[in-house]
Amino acid sequence: MSSTAPIGVFDSGLGGISVARQIAHDMPDEKVLYFGDSANAPYGTKTPQQVRDLSFAIVEQFVKQGVKAVVIACNTATSAAADALRDTYDIPIIGMEPALKVACDRGHGHRQRVIVAATPLTLRERKFAKLMDRFKADHTIFPEPCPGLVNIVEHGQLDDHDTVMRTLHHYFGNYDLPTIDSVVLGCTHFVFYRDYFRELLPDTAAIIDGNEGTVRHLHVVLESLGKLAPEGAEGGVTIANSDTSPRTAELASYLLHRN
């Protein structure tokens, strides 16, 4: 497989475009094929088996398109399907998980109070339970399922300030926010809310997502295999979606280029 082959990136909908953007920024020579499964969104309220079936159908199409690696730009699909996909395909399958370690390490040995915002399925899965077990003895961790934040992105309401802030207050209004050290954005949709979280939270609270770390890992894996695209290659992002409506295409393009 050529080093100029594309990288497949998929998500339950439009949130993973935040990961495709990060790849385009950090690895501009790479071609990215992005697939959003908006027709079946959200994944976070489905059963693990449903998510596995959907994920396998997407990756099978990527393999037919000749991708050199797949990034599961979805914490929910990573939890439900990553291991099974790795057992089936011989290309790198890069998953995501909430960046809880990054949040806890910020304390340099001091106890941290961390909210993990994610989908209900991500927080229910064994993968997250194991992640929690690594840190909960030394840190105070609050899992917070936020399915409504996925819906706002998918419905094109991200610029509706009142709706967004009302939804954030619904999920986070009962926390003593001045005592929170960080919020982990454990869903790629939530990365688009960074400015809103900054408005909601005190300046002392960090807002942490896993996108940069995921792209760094992708770079390391491809480099180790000699599969990085050559410098000066024509990179870029091509977007497809299971919802073929013009509205979804316009929204995807807007999110890809949104400041």
Protein backbone atom coordinates (compact mmCIF):
# COMPACT_ATOMS: atom_id res chain seq x y z
CA MET A 1 0.00 0.00 0.00
CA SER A 2 1.39 3.39 -1.03
CA SER A 3 2.34 6.05 1.50
CA THR A 4 0.11 8.40 -0.49
CA ALA A 5 -2.96 6.23 0.23
CA PRO A 6 -5.67 8.04 2.20
CA ILE A 7 -6.51 7.81 5.89
CA GLY A 8 -10.09 6.84 6.70
CA VAL A 9 -11.74 8.77 9.53
CA PHE A 10 -15.27 8.07 10.74
CA ASP A 11 -17.74 9.12 13.39
CA SER A 12 -21.36 8.61 14.29
CA GLY A 13 -22.05 11.94 12.62
CA LEU A 14 -20.35 15.30 12.30
CA GLY A 15 -18.30 15.47 15.50
CA GLY A 16 -15.33 13.61 14.06
CA ILE A 17 -14.84 16.45 11.60
CA SER A 18 -12.98 18.05 14.52
CA VAL A 19 -10.46 15.19 14.25
CA ALA A 20 -10.25 15.46 10.46
CA ARG A 21 -9.50 19.17 10.93
CA GLN A 22 -6.73 18.32 13.39
CA ILE A 23 -5.16 15.85 10.93
CA ALA A 24 -5.34 18.44 8.14
CA HIS A 25 -3.64 20.98 10.43
CA ASP A 26 -0.94 18.73 11.88
CA MET A 27 -0.36 16.42 8.89
CA PRO A 28 -1.15 18.60 5.86
CA ASP A 29 0.40 16.20 3.34
CA GLU A 30 -2.12 13.47 4.15
CA LYS A 31 -5.34 12.72 2.28
CA VAL A 32 -8.29 12.13 4.60
CA LEU A 33 -11.52 10.36 3.65
CA TYR A 34 -14.08 11.36 6.28
CA PHE A 35 -17.33 9.45 6.71
CA GLY A 36 -20.05 10.68 9.04
CA ASP A 37 -22.90 8.32 9.84
CA SER A 38 -25.46 11.03 10.55
CA ALA A 39 -28.31 8.86 9.26
CA ASN A 40 -27.69 6.58 12.26
CA ALA A 41 -26.65 9.23 14.81
CA PRO A 42 -26.36 9.28 17.72
CA TYR A 43 -24.31 6.16 18.49
CA GLY A 44 -24.17 7.01 22.19
CA THR A 45 -27.71 5.80 22.87
CA LYS A 46 -27.42 2.57 20.81
CA THR A 47 -26.41 -0.91 22.01
CA PRO A 48 -22.75 -1.94 21.71
CA GLN A 49 -23.68 -4.54 19.08
CA GLN A 50 -25.48 -1.96 16.95
CA VAL A 51 -22.42 0.30 17.10
CA ARG A 52 -20.11 -2.61 16.19
CA ASP A 53 -22.24 -3.51 13.17
CA LEU A 54 -22.30 0.08 11.92
CA SER A 55 -18.55 0.48 12.48
CA PHE A 56 -17.70 -2.70 10.57
CA ALA A 57 -19.82 -1.61 7.60
CA ILE A 58 -17.96 1.72 7.45
CA VAL A 59 -14.47 0.25 7.81
CA GLU A 60 -15.23 -2.37 5.13
CA GLN A 61 -15.97 0.48 2.71
CA PHE A 62 -12.76 2.25 3.72
CA VAL A 63 -10.75 -0.91 3.03
CA LYS A 64 -12.32 -1.13 -0.43
CA GLN A 65 -11.20 2.47 -0.99
CA GLY A 66 -7.61 1.48 -0.17
CA VAL A 67 -7.02 3.40 3.05
CA LYS A 68 -3.69 2.88 4.85
CA ALA A 69 -5.16 3.46 8.34
CA VAL A 70 -8.48 4.14 10.03
CA VAL A 71 -9.11 6.65 12.79
CA ILE A 72 -12.25 5.98 14.82
CA ALA A 73 -13.05 9.64 15.56
CA CYS A 74 -15.69 8.61 18.06
CA ASN A 75 -15.19 7.59 21.68
CA THR A 76 -18.40 5.54 21.59
CA ALA A 77 -17.40 3.49 18.53
CA THR A 78 -13.89 3.04 19.96
CA SER A 79 -15.35 1.58 23.14
CA ALA A 80 -17.71 -0.74 21.30
CA ALA A 81 -15.76 -1.77 18.20
CA ALA A 82 -12.03 -0.95 18.18
CA ASP A 83 -10.76 -4.29 19.51
CA ALA A 84 -12.95 -6.31 17.15
CA LEU A 85 -11.89 -4.16 14.18
CA ARG A 86 -8.20 -4.65 15.03
CA ASP A 87 -8.76 -8.40 15.18
CA THR A 88 -10.29 -8.33 11.70
CA TYR A 89 -8.21 -5.90 9.64
CA ASP A 90 -4.45 -5.71 9.15
CA ILE A 91 -4.23 -1.93 8.82
CA PRO A 92 -3.74 0.36 11.84
CA ILE A 93 -6.99 1.13 13.66
CA ILE A 94 -6.53 4.24 15.79
CA GLY A 95 -9.17 4.73 18.48
CA MET A 96 -10.00 7.45 20.96
CA GLU A 97 -10.76 7.54 24.65
CA PRO A 98 -11.53 10.40 27.03
CA ALA A 99 -8.25 12.15 27.92
CA LEU A 100 -8.63 11.47 31.63
CA LYS A 101 -4.93 10.77 32.17
CA VAL A 102 -4.03 14.19 30.79
CA ALA A 103 -6.51 15.82 33.17
CA CYS A 104 -5.25 13.93 36.22
CA ASP A 105 -1.58 14.46 35.37
CA ARG A 106 -2.13 18.22 35.45
CA GLY A 107 -2.17 18.02 39.23
CA HIS A 108 1.44 16.80 39.46
CA GLY A 109 0.49 14.52 42.34
CA HIS A 110 -2.28 16.69 43.79
CA ARG A 111 -5.85 15.37 43.78
CA GLN A 112 -7.84 16.64 40.80
CA ARG A 113 -11.60 17.15 40.44
CA VAL A 114 -12.47 16.23 36.86
CA ILE A 115 -15.76 16.17 34.94
CA VAL A 116 -15.78 13.74 32.01
CA ALA A 117 -18.42 14.85 29.50
CA ALA A 118 -19.26 12.03 27.08
CA THR A 119 -22.10 10.02 25.56
CA PRO A 120 -24.11 7.60 27.71
CA LEU A 121 -22.65 4.53 25.94
CA THR A 122 -19.04 5.70 26.31
CA LEU A 123 -19.57 6.12 30.06
CA ARG A 124 -21.35 2.75 30.40
CA GLU A 125 -18.78 0.68 28.53
CA ARG A 126 -16.18 -1.49 30.27
CA LYS A 127 -13.38 0.44 28.55
CA PHE A 128 -14.28 3.61 30.44
CA ALA A 129 -14.78 1.70 33.70
CA LYS A 130 -11.22 0.40 33.39
CA LEU A 131 -9.97 3.92 32.67
CA MET A 132 -11.81 5.24 35.75
CA ASP A 133 -10.33 2.47 37.90
CA ARG A 134 -6.82 3.71 37.10
CA PHE A 135 -7.46 7.16 38.54
CA LYS A 136 -10.46 7.22 40.89
CA ALA A 137 -8.48 6.35 44.03
CA ASP A 138 -6.32 9.46 43.70
CA HIS A 139 -8.75 11.82 41.97
CA THR A 140 -12.42 12.79 42.11
CA ILE A 141 -14.02 12.02 38.76
CA PHE A 142 -17.56 12.96 37.72
CA PRO A 143 -18.87 11.15 34.61
CA GLU A 144 -21.50 13.33 32.95
CA PRO A 145 -23.52 11.96 29.99
CA CYS A 146 -24.46 14.78 27.59
CA PRO A 147 -26.41 13.35 24.64
CA GLY A 148 -28.07 16.70 23.96
CA LEU A 149 -24.74 18.24 22.93
CA VAL A 150 -24.44 15.71 20.10
CA ASN A 151 -27.91 16.62 18.86
CA ILE A 152 -27.15 20.34 18.77
CA VAL A 153 -24.19 19.79 16.44
CA GLU A 154 -26.11 17.36 14.24
CA HIS A 155 -29.05 19.76 13.95
CA GLY A 156 -26.90 22.74 12.97
CA GLN A 157 -27.62 24.71 16.16
CA LEU A 158 -24.02 25.24 17.24
CA ASP A 159 -24.21 29.01 16.72
CA ASP A 160 -27.44 29.32 18.74
CA HIS A 161 -25.82 30.75 21.86
CA ASP A 162 -28.93 30.61 24.05
CA THR A 163 -29.73 26.99 23.20
CA VAL A 164 -26.13 25.90 23.76
CA MET A 165 -25.71 27.68 27.09
CA ARG A 166 -29.10 26.48 28.32
CA THR A 167 -28.08 22.90 27.49
CA LEU A 168 -24.68 23.27 29.17
CA HIS A 169 -26.31 24.67 32.31
CA HIS A 170 -28.72 21.71 32.27
CA TYR A 171 -25.81 19.26 32.43
CA PHE A 172 -23.32 21.22 34.53
CA GLY A 173 -25.44 23.61 36.59
CA ASN A 174 -25.46 21.37 39.67
CA TYR A 175 -21.66 21.23 39.95
CA ASP A 176 -19.68 23.61 42.12
CA LEU A 177 -17.73 24.72 39.05
CA PRO A 178 -15.15 26.91 40.85
CA THR A 179 -13.87 23.71 42.51
CA ILE A 180 -13.47 21.81 39.21
CA ASP A 181 -9.92 21.51 37.92
CA SER A 182 -10.76 20.36 34.40
CA VAL A 183 -13.47 19.17 32.04
CA VAL A 184 -12.58 16.36 29.65
CA LEU A 185 -14.43 16.52 26.33
CA GLY A 186 -14.95 12.80 25.86
CA CYS A 187 -16.83 13.05 22.57
CA THR A 188 -15.50 14.55 19.35
CA HIS A 189 -18.73 16.53 18.90
CA PHE A 190 -17.95 18.38 22.13
CA VAL A 191 -14.69 19.84 20.79
CA PHE A 192 -16.82 22.33 18.84
CA TYR A 193 -18.08 23.66 22.20
CA ARG A 194 -14.67 24.71 23.51
CA ASP A 195 -15.48 28.45 23.49
CA TYR A 196 -18.82 27.82 25.19
CA PHE A 197 -17.16 25.74 27.91
CA ARG A 198 -14.66 28.56 28.37
CA GLU A 199 -17.59 30.90 28.96
CA LEU A 200 -19.20 28.48 31.41
CA LEU A 201 -16.15 27.53 33.46
CA PRO A 202 -13.85 29.56 35.69
CA ASP A 203 -10.50 30.55 34.20
CA THR A 204 -8.77 28.09 36.53
CA ALA A 205 -10.48 25.07 34.92
CA ALA A 206 -8.78 23.37 31.97
CA ILE A 207 -10.72 22.13 28.95
CA ILE A 208 -9.13 18.95 27.58
CA ASP A 209 -9.86 16.88 24.50
CA GLY A 210 -8.11 13.93 22.91
CA ASN A 211 -7.80 15.16 19.32
CA GLU A 212 -4.18 16.35 19.35
CA GLY A 213 -3.02 13.23 21.17
CA THR A 214 -4.88 10.99 18.74
CA VAL A 215 -3.28 12.70 15.73
CA ARG A 216 0.17 12.48 17.34
CA HIS A 217 -0.39 8.75 17.81
CA LEU A 218 -1.51 8.41 14.18
CA HIS A 219 1.67 10.18 13.05
CA VAL A 220 3.88 7.89 15.15
CA VAL A 221 2.16 4.74 13.86
CA LEU A 222 2.39 5.74 10.20
CA GLU A 223 5.99 6.88 10.61
CA SER A 224 6.95 3.55 12.20
CA LEU A 225 5.46 1.75 9.18
CA GLY A 226 7.09 4.07 6.65
CA LYS A 227 3.63 5.15 5.55
CA LEU A 228 3.72 8.91 6.09
CA ALA A 229 2.84 10.82 2.94
CA PRO A 230 5.90 12.50 1.39
CA GLU A 231 6.44 16.16 2.11
CA GLY A 232 4.67 18.27 -0.48
CA ALA A 233 2.08 15.62 -1.31
CA GLU A 234 -1.40 16.89 -2.05
CA GLY A 235 -3.34 16.47 1.17
CA GLY A 236 -6.86 17.47 2.08
CA VAL A 237 -10.17 16.24 3.45
CA THR A 238 -12.96 14.63 1.42
CA ILE A 239 -16.27 14.34 3.25
CA ALA A 240 -19.04 11.77 2.77
CA ASN A 241 -22.09 11.08 4.91
CA SER A 242 -24.80 8.45 5.17
CA ASP A 243 -27.28 11.34 5.29
CA THR A 244 -27.01 12.59 1.72
CA SER A 245 -29.17 15.69 2.18
CA PRO A 246 -27.77 19.04 0.98
CA ARG A 247 -28.28 20.42 4.50
CA THR A 248 -25.93 17.84 6.02
CA ALA A 249 -23.32 18.42 3.29
CA GLU A 250 -23.44 22.18 3.94
CA LEU A 251 -23.19 21.68 7.70
CA ALA A 252 -20.23 19.32 7.33
CA SER A 253 -18.40 21.82 5.13
CA TYR A 254 -19.16 24.61 7.59
CA LEU A 255 -17.76 22.60 10.52
CA LEU A 256 -14.63 21.66 8.57
CA HIS A 257 -13.84 25.32 7.86
CA ARG A 258 -15.31 26.90 11.02
CA ASN A 259 -12.94 29.20 12.90
